[in-house]
């Protein structure tokens, strides 16, 4: 596998009944409706996101930029997938002669999604960054422990919180579906990076696990936080909370560089050792996909990867706007939409 720094490595995320893929200069989201049709959104990446050069690509800076970029793009993809579901429900209600719910204005929807994103980040910081360090003070005997032991316990509590959270949400049926689409995303990328033709049959033979994954990123952050926090001592709770937040940017930067190395040198022993724990944790956030789920991932990947043609046995997807409105455009060279 080519490991050149100039080579682009595709990636994305699972959304509601679909997959988002990010390319060099555009992103695409393939969402399967209940009637079996795939709606495909394909748009250029805005601002620095679509550029391959610049300060945001510098080592130890690109990690935090990539995190912010992934959150922003991920929310847009989730908003689109939710919009597809709403549009289909309205169409079904109209066909049955019942009064459909009015569509939410797109401007209000974006504000709501933005507020949801802010609330989610705040909850994440409180639950995964601040709660574990507070819980340590409740553990009997920690007052007599050294700094390293306290930080190790904090890291263990943080890992247990993450695993517990994942297990809790996996009890929801629609989250299990998202995990299956997560597996479809990984299997499709694994097929491409293995040099095989990207077809549903080929993708289904590949693992739903991948070393370049947000799940592995979270685990790396937990481990590196333990190491860095050991150098910060164990001050009073309020100062400890501030320090935990202050060190998140450099920890995210280091974690990104490790994950980037592991993803670009997958055949090396060091990369396998670094990726191993993250792959184990991914077993909680992925599920083996079915053929339709893999097809949704292929539609999205083919829309952003010029080297990936749409398999001839897959009908063209319906190109749509961000508001899930069909676009009457003839199929392009990839045969992606109609």
C-alpha atoms as a PDB file:
ATOM      1  CA  UNK A   1       0.000   0.000   0.000  1.00  0.00           C
ATOM      2  CA  UNK A   2       1.254   3.430  -0.938  1.00  0.00           C
ATOM      3  CA  UNK A   3       2.113   5.352   2.221  1.00  0.00           C
ATOM      4  CA  UNK A   4       3.081   8.617   0.590  1.00  0.00           C
ATOM      5  CA  UNK A   5       2.180  11.745   2.492  1.00  0.00           C
ATOM      6  CA  UNK A   6       0.537  13.004  -0.726  1.00  0.00           C
ATOM      7  CA  UNK A   7      -1.866  10.082  -0.882  1.00  0.00           C
ATOM      8  CA  UNK A   8      -5.354  10.856   0.335  1.00  0.00           C
ATOM      9  CA  UNK A   9      -6.946   8.424   2.759  1.00  0.00           C
ATOM     10  CA  UNK A  10     -10.710   8.463   2.580  1.00  0.00           C
ATOM     11  CA  UNK A  11     -12.847   8.340   5.672  1.00  0.00           C
ATOM     12  CA  UNK A  12     -16.216   9.312   6.988  1.00  0.00           C
ATOM     13  CA  UNK A  13     -18.852   8.366   9.502  1.00  0.00           C
ATOM     14  CA  UNK A  14     -22.162   6.588   9.863  1.00  0.00           C
ATOM     15  CA  UNK A  15     -25.383   8.601   9.864  1.00  0.00           C
ATOM     16  CA  UNK A  16     -29.060   7.708  10.158  1.00  0.00           C
ATOM     17  CA  UNK A  17     -29.586   4.909   7.604  1.00  0.00           C
ATOM     18  CA  UNK A  18     -26.508   5.905   5.656  1.00  0.00           C
ATOM     19  CA  UNK A  19     -22.832   6.792   5.384  1.00  0.00           C
ATOM     20  CA  UNK A  20     -20.908  10.021   4.865  1.00  0.00           C
ATOM     21  CA  UNK A  21     -17.582   9.928   3.015  1.00  0.00           C
ATOM     22  CA  UNK A  22     -15.035  12.762   2.828  1.00  0.00           C
ATOM     23  CA  UNK A  23     -12.761  13.220  -0.184  1.00  0.00           C
ATOM     24  CA  UNK A  24     -10.031  15.692  -1.069  1.00  0.00           C
ATOM     25  CA  UNK A  25     -12.332  18.542  -2.059  1.00  0.00           C
ATOM     26  CA  UNK A  26     -15.896  17.350  -1.453  1.00  0.00           C
ATOM     27  CA  UNK A  27     -17.999  15.151   0.749  1.00  0.00           C
ATOM     28  CA  UNK A  28     -20.972  12.922   0.023  1.00  0.00           C
ATOM     29  CA  UNK A  29     -23.725  11.289   2.070  1.00  0.00           C
ATOM     30  CA  UNK A  30     -25.632   8.240   0.880  1.00  0.00           C
ATOM     31  CA  UNK A  31     -28.870   7.589   2.774  1.00  0.00           C
ATOM     32  CA  UNK A  32     -31.223   4.684   2.087  1.00  0.00           C
ATOM     33  CA  UNK A  33     -34.932   5.394   2.381  1.00  0.00           C
ATOM     34  CA  UNK A  34     -37.513   2.909   3.556  1.00  0.00           C
ATOM     35  CA  UNK A  35     -38.603   2.338  -0.062  1.00  0.00           C
ATOM     36  CA  UNK A  36     -35.066   1.162  -0.891  1.00  0.00           C
ATOM     37  CA  UNK A  37     -34.018   4.209  -2.907  1.00  0.00           C
ATOM     38  CA  UNK A  38     -30.718   5.875  -2.036  1.00  0.00           C
ATOM     39  CA  UNK A  39     -30.613   9.653  -1.750  1.00  0.00           C
ATOM     40  CA  UNK A  40     -27.169  11.076  -2.437  1.00  0.00           C
ATOM     41  CA  UNK A  41     -25.927  14.488  -1.314  1.00  0.00           C
ATOM     42  CA  UNK A  42     -22.602  15.566  -2.833  1.00  0.00           C
ATOM     43  CA  UNK A  43     -21.179  18.998  -2.047  1.00  0.00           C
ATOM     44  CA  UNK A  44     -17.799  20.762  -2.141  1.00  0.00           C
ATOM     45  CA  UNK A  45     -15.882  21.121   1.099  1.00  0.00           C
ATOM     46  CA  UNK A  46     -15.930  24.717   2.272  1.00  0.00           C
ATOM     47  CA  UNK A  47     -13.085  26.955   3.488  1.00  0.00           C
ATOM     48  CA  UNK A  48      -9.891  25.325   4.720  1.00  0.00           C
ATOM     49  CA  UNK A  49     -11.613  21.947   4.741  1.00  0.00           C
ATOM     50  CA  UNK A  50     -11.068  21.389   1.043  1.00  0.00           C
ATOM     51  CA  UNK A  51      -7.456  22.588   0.938  1.00  0.00           C
ATOM     52  CA  UNK A  52      -4.530  20.210   0.975  1.00  0.00           C
ATOM     53  CA  UNK A  53      -1.903  22.794   1.981  1.00  0.00           C
ATOM     54  CA  UNK A  54      -1.738  25.420   4.709  1.00  0.00           C
ATOM     55  CA  UNK A  55      -1.140  25.912   8.401  1.00  0.00           C
ATOM     56  CA  UNK A  56      -4.080  23.672   9.276  1.00  0.00           C
ATOM     57  CA  UNK A  57      -2.125  20.716   7.809  1.00  0.00           C
ATOM     58  CA  UNK A  58       0.965  21.244   9.967  1.00  0.00           C
ATOM     59  CA  UNK A  59       1.857  18.419  12.379  1.00  0.00           C
ATOM     60  CA  UNK A  60       0.463  18.888  15.903  1.00  0.00           C
ATOM     61  CA  UNK A  61      -1.969  21.476  14.532  1.00  0.00           C
ATOM     62  CA  UNK A  62      -3.836  19.314  12.049  1.00  0.00           C
ATOM     63  CA  UNK A  63      -5.104  17.016  14.809  1.00  0.00           C
ATOM     64  CA  UNK A  64      -7.223  19.679  16.504  1.00  0.00           C
ATOM     65  CA  UNK A  65      -8.304  21.124  13.182  1.00  0.00           C
ATOM     66  CA  UNK A  66      -9.324  17.654  12.001  1.00  0.00           C
ATOM     67  CA  UNK A  67     -11.369  17.175  15.170  1.00  0.00           C
ATOM     68  CA  UNK A  68     -13.243  20.459  14.713  1.00  0.00           C
ATOM     69  CA  UNK A  69     -13.706  19.718  11.022  1.00  0.00           C
ATOM     70  CA  UNK A  70     -15.056  16.234  11.722  1.00  0.00           C
ATOM     71  CA  UNK A  71     -17.565  17.570  14.268  1.00  0.00           C
ATOM     72  CA  UNK A  72     -18.827  20.256  11.892  1.00  0.00           C
ATOM     73  CA  UNK A  73     -19.039  18.017   8.836  1.00  0.00           C
ATOM     74  CA  UNK A  74     -20.529  15.199  10.883  1.00  0.00           C
ATOM     75  CA  UNK A  75     -23.346  17.409  12.125  1.00  0.00           C
ATOM     76  CA  UNK A  76     -24.131  18.499   8.569  1.00  0.00           C
ATOM     77  CA  UNK A  77     -24.273  14.868   7.469  1.00  0.00           C
ATOM     78  CA  UNK A  78     -26.507  13.912  10.388  1.00  0.00           C
ATOM     79  CA  UNK A  79     -28.799  16.842   9.663  1.00  0.00           C
ATOM     80  CA  UNK A  80     -29.143  15.709   6.056  1.00  0.00           C
ATOM     81  CA  UNK A  81     -29.899  12.096   7.006  1.00  0.00           C
ATOM     82  CA  UNK A  82     -32.578  13.292   9.432  1.00  0.00           C
ATOM     83  CA  UNK A  83     -34.024  15.517   6.709  1.00  0.00           C
ATOM     84  CA  UNK A  84     -34.317  12.517   4.363  1.00  0.00           C
ATOM     85  CA  UNK A  85     -36.315  10.642   6.998  1.00  0.00           C
ATOM     86  CA  UNK A  86     -38.605  13.638   7.582  1.00  0.00           C
ATOM     87  CA  UNK A  87     -39.245  14.107   3.848  1.00  0.00           C
ATOM     88  CA  UNK A  88     -40.095  10.436   3.403  1.00  0.00           C
ATOM     89  CA  UNK A  89     -42.508  10.486   6.335  1.00  0.00           C
ATOM     90  CA  UNK A  90     -44.229  13.518   4.825  1.00  0.00           C
ATOM     91  CA  UNK A  91     -44.523  11.772   1.445  1.00  0.00           C
ATOM     92  CA  UNK A  92     -45.941   8.629   3.045  1.00  0.00           C
ATOM     93  CA  UNK A  93     -48.452  10.666   5.035  1.00  0.00           C
ATOM     94  CA  UNK A  94     -49.538  12.521   1.889  1.00  0.00           C
ATOM     95  CA  UNK A  95     -49.943   9.239  -0.004  1.00  0.00           C
ATOM     96  CA  UNK A  96     -52.125   7.856   2.795  1.00  0.00           C
ATOM     97  CA  UNK A  97     -54.258  10.981   2.832  1.00  0.00           C
ATOM     98  CA  UNK A  98     -53.261  12.033   6.334  1.00  0.00           C
ATOM     99  CA  UNK A  99     -52.045  15.495   7.236  1.00  0.00           C
ATOM    100  CA  UNK A 100     -48.216  15.535   7.143  1.00  0.00           C
ATOM    101  CA  UNK A 101     -46.236  17.411   9.755  1.00  0.00           C
ATOM    102  CA  UNK A 102     -44.983  20.745   8.395  1.00  0.00           C
ATOM    103  CA  UNK A 103     -41.310  20.808   7.506  1.00  0.00           C
ATOM    104  CA  UNK A 104     -39.130  22.705   9.918  1.00  0.00           C
ATOM    105  CA  UNK A 105     -37.565  25.801   8.310  1.00  0.00           C
ATOM    106  CA  UNK A 106     -34.021  25.004   7.286  1.00  0.00           C
ATOM    107  CA  UNK A 107     -32.641  28.064   9.088  1.00  0.00           C
ATOM    108  CA  UNK A 108     -34.278  27.061  12.353  1.00  0.00           C
ATOM    109  CA  UNK A 109     -33.107  23.493  11.813  1.00  0.00           C
ATOM    110  CA  UNK A 110     -29.496  24.627  11.481  1.00  0.00           C
ATOM    111  CA  UNK A 111     -29.774  26.704  14.658  1.00  0.00           C
ATOM    112  CA  UNK A 112     -31.251  23.745  16.504  1.00  0.00           C
ATOM    113  CA  UNK A 113     -28.495  21.423  15.242  1.00  0.00           C
ATOM    114  CA  UNK A 114     -25.894  23.988  16.304  1.00  0.00           C
ATOM    115  CA  UNK A 115     -27.347  24.202  19.786  1.00  0.00           C
ATOM    116  CA  UNK A 116     -27.470  20.416  19.937  1.00  0.00           C
ATOM    117  CA  UNK A 117     -23.808  20.256  18.950  1.00  0.00           C
ATOM    118  CA  UNK A 118     -22.803  22.740  21.662  1.00  0.00           C
ATOM    119  CA  UNK A 119     -24.844  20.852  24.254  1.00  0.00           C
ATOM    120  CA  UNK A 120     -23.297  17.573  23.140  1.00  0.00           C
ATOM    121  CA  UNK A 121     -19.763  18.933  23.444  1.00  0.00           C
ATOM    122  CA  UNK A 122     -20.526  20.322  26.905  1.00  0.00           C
ATOM    123  CA  UNK A 123     -21.992  16.995  27.989  1.00  0.00           C
ATOM    124  CA  UNK A 124     -19.006  15.145  26.561  1.00  0.00           C
ATOM    125  CA  UNK A 125     -16.516  17.365  28.390  1.00  0.00           C
ATOM    126  CA  UNK A 126     -18.390  16.981  31.640  1.00  0.00           C
ATOM    127  CA  UNK A 127     -18.958  13.244  31.336  1.00  0.00           C
ATOM    128  CA  UNK A 128     -15.629  12.115  29.903  1.00  0.00           C
ATOM    129  CA  UNK A 129     -13.147  14.825  30.934  1.00  0.00           C
ATOM    130  CA  UNK A 130     -14.303  16.202  34.289  1.00  0.00           C
ATOM    131  CA  UNK A 131     -16.413  13.501  35.938  1.00  0.00           C
ATOM    132  CA  UNK A 132     -13.616  10.864  36.159  1.00  0.00           C
ATOM    133  CA  UNK A 133     -11.198  13.161  38.010  1.00  0.00           C
ATOM    134  CA  UNK A 134     -13.935  14.082  40.504  1.00  0.00           C
ATOM    135  CA  UNK A 135     -14.882  10.425  41.035  1.00  0.00           C
ATOM    136  CA  UNK A 136     -11.307   9.540  42.071  1.00  0.00           C
ATOM    137  CA  UNK A 137     -11.688  11.612  45.229  1.00  0.00           C
ATOM    138  CA  UNK A 138     -14.611   9.366  46.216  1.00  0.00           C
ATOM    139  CA  UNK A 139     -12.574   6.154  45.988  1.00  0.00           C
ATOM    140  CA  UNK A 140     -11.507   4.999  49.492  1.00  0.00           C
ATOM    141  CA  UNK A 141      -7.767   5.128  50.139  1.00  0.00           C
ATOM    142  CA  UNK A 142      -6.816   7.449  47.292  1.00  0.00           C
ATOM    143  CA  UNK A 143      -5.580  10.107  49.738  1.00  0.00           C
ATOM    144  CA  UNK A 144      -2.618   7.872  50.546  1.00  0.00           C
ATOM    145  CA  UNK A 145      -1.875   7.060  46.896  1.00  0.00           C
ATOM    146  CA  UNK A 146       0.785   8.695  44.756  1.00  0.00           C
ATOM    147  CA  UNK A 147       0.172  10.881  41.694  1.00  0.00           C
ATOM    148  CA  UNK A 148       0.718   8.072  39.192  1.00  0.00           C
ATOM    149  CA  UNK A 149      -1.740   5.766  40.955  1.00  0.00           C
ATOM    150  CA  UNK A 150      -4.416   8.470  41.141  1.00  0.00           C
ATOM    151  CA  UNK A 151      -4.037   9.304  37.453  1.00  0.00           C
ATOM    152  CA  UNK A 152      -4.161   5.627  36.550  1.00  0.00           C
ATOM    153  CA  UNK A 153      -7.421   5.246  38.477  1.00  0.00           C
ATOM    154  CA  UNK A 154      -8.794   8.354  36.772  1.00  0.00           C
ATOM    155  CA  UNK A 155      -7.918   6.881  33.373  1.00  0.00           C
ATOM    156  CA  UNK A 156      -9.601   3.592  34.269  1.00  0.00           C
ATOM    157  CA  UNK A 157     -12.738   5.409  35.410  1.00  0.00           C
ATOM    158  CA  UNK A 158     -12.748   7.404  32.162  1.00  0.00           C
ATOM    159  CA  UNK A 159     -12.473   4.195  30.114  1.00  0.00           C
ATOM    160  CA  UNK A 160     -15.296   2.582  32.093  1.00  0.00           C
ATOM    161  CA  UNK A 161     -17.481   5.656  31.497  1.00  0.00           C
ATOM    162  CA  UNK A 162     -16.824   5.475  27.737  1.00  0.00           C
ATOM    163  CA  UNK A 163     -17.465   1.731  27.534  1.00  0.00           C
ATOM    164  CA  UNK A 164     -20.565   2.022  29.722  1.00  0.00           C
ATOM    165  CA  UNK A 165     -21.919   4.839  27.577  1.00  0.00           C
ATOM    166  CA  UNK A 166     -21.391   2.851  24.367  1.00  0.00           C
ATOM    167  CA  UNK A 167     -23.005  -0.269  25.830  1.00  0.00           C
ATOM    168  CA  UNK A 168     -25.973   1.769  27.071  1.00  0.00           C
ATOM    169  CA  UNK A 169     -26.743   3.431  23.735  1.00  0.00           C
ATOM    170  CA  UNK A 170     -26.187   0.157  21.844  1.00  0.00           C
ATOM    171  CA  UNK A 171     -29.376  -1.129  23.507  1.00  0.00           C
ATOM    172  CA  UNK A 172     -31.346   1.224  21.229  1.00  0.00           C
ATOM    173  CA  UNK A 173     -32.340  -0.429  17.950  1.00  0.00           C
ATOM    174  CA  UNK A 174     -31.636   2.621  15.791  1.00  0.00           C
ATOM    175  CA  UNK A 175     -28.157   2.974  17.338  1.00  0.00           C
ATOM    176  CA  UNK A 176     -27.433  -0.647  16.424  1.00  0.00           C
ATOM    177  CA  UNK A 177     -28.388   0.272  12.862  1.00  0.00           C
ATOM    178  CA  UNK A 178     -25.933   3.190  12.986  1.00  0.00           C
ATOM    179  CA  UNK A 179     -23.228   0.792  14.212  1.00  0.00           C
ATOM    180  CA  UNK A 180     -23.955  -1.454  11.204  1.00  0.00           C
ATOM    181  CA  UNK A 181     -23.510   1.504   8.848  1.00  0.00           C
ATOM    182  CA  UNK A 182     -20.299   2.283  10.753  1.00  0.00           C
ATOM    183  CA  UNK A 183     -19.133  -1.222   9.861  1.00  0.00           C
ATOM    184  CA  UNK A 184     -20.171  -0.633   6.239  1.00  0.00           C
ATOM    185  CA  UNK A 185     -18.054   2.525   6.101  1.00  0.00           C
ATOM    186  CA  UNK A 186     -14.987   0.675   7.395  1.00  0.00           C
ATOM    187  CA  UNK A 187     -15.491  -2.392   5.188  1.00  0.00           C
ATOM    188  CA  UNK A 188     -15.761  -0.203   2.083  1.00  0.00           C
ATOM    189  CA  UNK A 189     -12.622   1.763   2.940  1.00  0.00           C
ATOM    190  CA  UNK A 190     -10.757  -1.478   3.744  1.00  0.00           C
ATOM    191  CA  UNK A 191     -11.729  -2.863   0.347  1.00  0.00           C
ATOM    192  CA  UNK A 192     -10.458   0.259  -1.443  1.00  0.00           C
ATOM    193  CA  UNK A 193      -7.187   0.355   0.497  1.00  0.00           C
ATOM    194  CA  UNK A 194      -6.609  -3.339  -0.210  1.00  0.00           C
ATOM    195  CA  UNK A 195      -6.627  -2.554  -3.931  1.00  0.00           C
ATOM    196  CA  UNK A 196      -9.753  -4.598  -4.642  1.00  0.00           C
ATOM    197  CA  UNK A 197     -12.640  -3.477  -6.864  1.00  0.00           C
ATOM    198  CA  UNK A 198     -15.139  -1.688  -4.638  1.00  0.00           C
ATOM    199  CA  UNK A 199     -18.225  -3.869  -5.107  1.00  0.00           C
ATOM    200  CA  UNK A 200     -20.796  -4.997  -2.525  1.00  0.00           C
ATOM    201  CA  UNK A 201     -19.614  -8.610  -2.691  1.00  0.00           C
ATOM    202  CA  UNK A 202     -15.975  -7.614  -2.170  1.00  0.00           C
ATOM    203  CA  UNK A 203     -16.724  -5.145   0.629  1.00  0.00           C
ATOM    204  CA  UNK A 204     -18.725  -7.729   2.553  1.00  0.00           C
ATOM    205  CA  UNK A 205     -15.593  -9.895   2.818  1.00  0.00           C
ATOM    206  CA  UNK A 206     -13.639  -7.171   4.628  1.00  0.00           C
ATOM    207  CA  UNK A 207     -13.505  -6.366   8.333  1.00  0.00           C
ATOM    208  CA  UNK A 208     -15.819  -3.707   9.813  1.00  0.00           C
ATOM    209  CA  UNK A 209     -12.824  -2.523  11.888  1.00  0.00           C
ATOM    210  CA  UNK A 210     -10.306   0.119  10.775  1.00  0.00           C
ATOM    211  CA  UNK A 211      -7.317   1.714  12.578  1.00  0.00           C
ATOM    212  CA  UNK A 212      -8.252   5.245  11.432  1.00  0.00           C
ATOM    213  CA  UNK A 213     -11.423   5.555  13.454  1.00  0.00           C
ATOM    214  CA  UNK A 214     -12.846   7.997  15.957  1.00  0.00           C
ATOM    215  CA  UNK A 215     -13.317   5.180  18.450  1.00  0.00           C
ATOM    216  CA  UNK A 216      -9.583   4.467  18.400  1.00  0.00           C
ATOM    217  CA  UNK A 217      -8.962   8.209  18.697  1.00  0.00           C
ATOM    218  CA  UNK A 218     -10.961   8.322  21.946  1.00  0.00           C
ATOM    219  CA  UNK A 219      -8.984   5.435  23.417  1.00  0.00           C
ATOM    220  CA  UNK A 220      -5.677   7.078  22.510  1.00  0.00           C
ATOM    221  CA  UNK A 221      -6.782  10.272  24.231  1.00  0.00           C
ATOM    222  CA  UNK A 222      -7.576   8.319  27.406  1.00  0.00           C
ATOM    223  CA  UNK A 223      -4.154   6.638  27.452  1.00  0.00           C
ATOM    224  CA  UNK A 224      -2.152   9.777  26.625  1.00  0.00           C
ATOM    225  CA  UNK A 225      -4.098  11.789  29.213  1.00  0.00           C
ATOM    226  CA  UNK A 226      -2.877   9.379  31.897  1.00  0.00           C
ATOM    227  CA  UNK A 227       0.748   9.974  30.880  1.00  0.00           C
ATOM    228  CA  UNK A 228       0.512  13.760  30.575  1.00  0.00           C
ATOM    229  CA  UNK A 229      -1.571  14.173  33.728  1.00  0.00           C
ATOM    230  CA  UNK A 230       1.134  12.406  35.739  1.00  0.00           C
ATOM    231  CA  UNK A 231       3.407  15.393  35.068  1.00  0.00           C
ATOM    232  CA  UNK A 232       0.758  17.812  36.365  1.00  0.00           C
ATOM    233  CA  UNK A 233       0.600  16.409  39.873  1.00  0.00           C
ATOM    234  CA  UNK A 234      -2.675  16.170  41.784  1.00  0.00           C
ATOM    235  CA  UNK A 235      -3.679  19.717  42.780  1.00  0.00           C
ATOM    236  CA  UNK A 236      -7.017  20.779  44.284  1.00  0.00           C
ATOM    237  CA  UNK A 237     -10.153  19.763  42.404  1.00  0.00           C
ATOM    238  CA  UNK A 238     -10.906  23.116  40.742  1.00  0.00           C
ATOM    239  CA  UNK A 239      -7.335  23.492  39.444  1.00  0.00           C
ATOM    240  CA  UNK A 240      -7.291  19.864  38.360  1.00  0.00           C
ATOM    241  CA  UNK A 241     -10.464  20.393  36.344  1.00  0.00           C
ATOM    242  CA  UNK A 242      -8.959  23.428  34.606  1.00  0.00           C
ATOM    243  CA  UNK A 243      -5.771  21.529  33.818  1.00  0.00           C
ATOM    244  CA  UNK A 244      -7.760  18.590  32.400  1.00  0.00           C
ATOM    245  CA  UNK A 245      -9.435  20.961  29.952  1.00  0.00           C
ATOM    246  CA  UNK A 246      -6.229  22.881  29.164  1.00  0.00           C
ATOM    247  CA  UNK A 247      -4.279  19.794  28.084  1.00  0.00           C
ATOM    248  CA  UNK A 248      -6.991  18.485  25.737  1.00  0.00           C
ATOM    249  CA  UNK A 249      -5.662  20.299  22.613  1.00  0.00           C
ATOM    250  CA  UNK A 250      -2.080  18.928  22.845  1.00  0.00           C
ATOM    251  CA  UNK A 251      -3.416  15.480  23.766  1.00  0.00           C
ATOM    252  CA  UNK A 252      -5.732  15.522  20.747  1.00  0.00           C
ATOM    253  CA  UNK A 253      -2.808  16.595  18.536  1.00  0.00           C
ATOM    254  CA  UNK A 254      -0.557  13.760  19.747  1.00  0.00           C
ATOM    255  CA  UNK A 255      -3.370  11.207  19.477  1.00  0.00           C
ATOM    256  CA  UNK A 256      -4.093  12.262  15.912  1.00  0.00           C
ATOM    257  CA  UNK A 257      -0.457  11.870  14.860  1.00  0.00           C
ATOM    258  CA  UNK A 258      -0.296   8.363  16.369  1.00  0.00           C
ATOM    259  CA  UNK A 259      -3.553   7.385  14.678  1.00  0.00           C
ATOM    260  CA  UNK A 260      -2.347   8.850  11.396  1.00  0.00           C
ATOM    261  CA  UNK A 261       0.867   6.829  11.586  1.00  0.00           C
ATOM    262  CA  UNK A 262      -1.002   3.621  12.419  1.00  0.00           C
ATOM    263  CA  UNK A 263      -3.370   4.141   9.501  1.00  0.00           C
ATOM    264  CA  UNK A 264      -0.611   4.886   6.973  1.00  0.00           C
ATOM    265  CA  UNK A 265       1.722   2.052   8.027  1.00  0.00           C
ATOM    266  CA  UNK A 266      -0.759  -0.712   8.739  1.00  0.00           C
ATOM    267  CA  UNK A 267       1.666  -3.496   7.845  1.00  0.00           C
ATOM    268  CA  UNK A 268       4.331  -2.465  10.393  1.00  0.00           C
ATOM    269  CA  UNK A 269       4.544  -4.152  13.788  1.00  0.00           C
ATOM    270  CA  UNK A 270       4.544  -0.813  15.632  1.00  0.00           C
ATOM    271  CA  UNK A 271       1.370   0.289  13.847  1.00  0.00           C
ATOM    272  CA  UNK A 272      -0.341  -2.969  14.755  1.00  0.00           C
ATOM    273  CA  UNK A 273       0.582  -2.553  18.410  1.00  0.00           C
ATOM    274  CA  UNK A 274      -0.678   1.050  18.414  1.00  0.00           C
ATOM    275  CA  UNK A 275      -3.902   0.167  16.596  1.00  0.00           C
ATOM    276  CA  UNK A 276      -4.696  -3.011  18.543  1.00  0.00           C
ATOM    277  CA  UNK A 277      -6.506  -1.524  21.579  1.00  0.00           C
ATOM    278  CA  UNK A 278      -8.502   0.826  19.368  1.00  0.00           C
ATOM    279  CA  UNK A 279      -9.642  -2.054  17.178  1.00  0.00           C
ATOM    280  CA  UNK A 280     -10.827  -3.903  20.268  1.00  0.00           C
ATOM    281  CA  UNK A 281     -12.887  -0.903  21.367  1.00  0.00           C
ATOM    282  CA  UNK A 282     -14.311  -0.624  17.845  1.00  0.00           C
ATOM    283  CA  UNK A 283     -15.917  -4.016  18.344  1.00  0.00           C
ATOM    284  CA  UNK A 284     -18.431  -2.125  20.501  1.00  0.00           C
ATOM    285  CA  UNK A 285     -19.187   0.605  17.937  1.00  0.00           C
ATOM    286  CA  UNK A 286     -19.369  -1.454  14.747  1.00  0.00           C
ATOM    287  CA  UNK A 287     -21.501  -4.350  13.567  1.00  0.00           C
ATOM    288  CA  UNK A 288     -21.196  -6.493  10.422  1.00  0.00           C
ATOM    289  CA  UNK A 289     -23.188  -4.697   7.704  1.00  0.00           C
ATOM    290  CA  UNK A 290     -25.615  -6.149   5.199  1.00  0.00           C
ATOM    291  CA  UNK A 291     -25.497  -5.640   1.442  1.00  0.00           C
ATOM    292  CA  UNK A 292     -27.813  -2.621   1.346  1.00  0.00           C
ATOM    293  CA  UNK A 293     -25.773  -0.851   3.995  1.00  0.00           C
ATOM    294  CA  UNK A 294     -22.537  -1.484   2.092  1.00  0.00           C
ATOM    295  CA  UNK A 295     -24.176  -0.168  -1.067  1.00  0.00           C
ATOM    296  CA  UNK A 296     -24.998   3.118   0.686  1.00  0.00           C
ATOM    297  CA  UNK A 297     -21.315   3.435   1.634  1.00  0.00           C
ATOM    298  CA  UNK A 298     -20.238   2.702  -1.946  1.00  0.00           C
ATOM    299  CA  UNK A 299     -22.544   5.397  -3.330  1.00  0.00           C
ATOM    300  CA  UNK A 300     -20.957   7.944  -0.978  1.00  0.00           C
ATOM    301  CA  UNK A 301     -17.392   6.804  -1.674  1.00  0.00           C
ATOM    302  CA  UNK A 302     -17.860   6.759  -5.461  1.00  0.00           C
ATOM    303  CA  UNK A 303     -19.111  10.348  -5.284  1.00  0.00           C
ATOM    304  CA  UNK A 304     -15.853  11.615  -3.715  1.00  0.00           C
ATOM    305  CA  UNK A 305     -13.236   9.151  -5.051  1.00  0.00           C
ATOM    306  CA  UNK A 306     -12.558   9.509  -8.808  1.00  0.00           C
ATOM    307  CA  UNK A 307     -10.823   6.121  -8.823  1.00  0.00           C
ATOM    308  CA  UNK A 308     -13.954   4.334  -7.592  1.00  0.00           C
ATOM    309  CA  UNK A 309     -16.565   3.661 -10.303  1.00  0.00           C
ATOM    310  CA  UNK A 310     -20.092   2.732  -9.337  1.00  0.00           C
ATOM    311  CA  UNK A 311     -20.566  -1.035  -9.814  1.00  0.00           C
ATOM    312  CA  UNK A 312     -22.674  -1.768 -12.943  1.00  0.00           C
ATOM    313  CA  UNK A 313     -25.231  -3.787 -10.952  1.00  0.00           C
ATOM    314  CA  UNK A 314     -26.047  -0.820  -8.694  1.00  0.00           C
ATOM    315  CA  UNK A 315     -28.713   1.560 -10.058  1.00  0.00           C
ATOM    316  CA  UNK A 316     -27.939   5.284  -9.969  1.00  0.00           C
ATOM    317  CA  UNK A 317     -28.729   7.081  -6.732  1.00  0.00           C
ATOM    318  CA  UNK A 318     -31.094  10.020  -6.602  1.00  0.00           C
ATOM    319  CA  UNK A 319     -29.076  13.216  -6.340  1.00  0.00           C
ATOM    320  CA  UNK A 320     -30.665  15.633  -3.871  1.00  0.00           C
ATOM    321  CA  UNK A 321     -30.082  18.972  -2.182  1.00  0.00           C
ATOM    322  CA  UNK A 322     -29.182  19.408   1.481  1.00  0.00           C
ATOM    323  CA  UNK A 323     -32.933  19.729   2.138  1.00  0.00           C
ATOM    324  CA  UNK A 324     -33.472  16.293   0.523  1.00  0.00           C
ATOM    325  CA  UNK A 325     -35.113  17.767  -2.571  1.00  0.00           C
ATOM    326  CA  UNK A 326     -34.460  15.681  -5.742  1.00  0.00           C
ATOM    327  CA  UNK A 327     -32.195  17.228  -8.393  1.00  0.00           C
ATOM    328  CA  UNK A 328     -33.189  16.422 -12.000  1.00  0.00           C
ATOM    329  CA  UNK A 329     -29.653  15.856 -13.300  1.00  0.00           C
ATOM    330  CA  UNK A 330     -28.545  13.158 -15.718  1.00  0.00           C
ATOM    331  CA  UNK A 331     -25.978  10.610 -14.518  1.00  0.00           C
ATOM    332  CA  UNK A 332     -22.390  11.810 -14.590  1.00  0.00           C
ATOM    333  CA  UNK A 333     -19.321   9.801 -15.616  1.00  0.00           C
ATOM    334  CA  UNK A 334     -19.518   7.782 -12.397  1.00  0.00           C
ATOM    335  CA  UNK A 335     -23.225   7.090 -12.921  1.00  0.00           C
ATOM    336  CA  UNK A 336     -23.877   8.402  -9.430  1.00  0.00           C
ATOM    337  CA  UNK A 337     -27.249   9.998  -9.847  1.00  0.00           C
ATOM    338  CA  UNK A 338     -30.144  10.804 -12.061  1.00  0.00           C
END
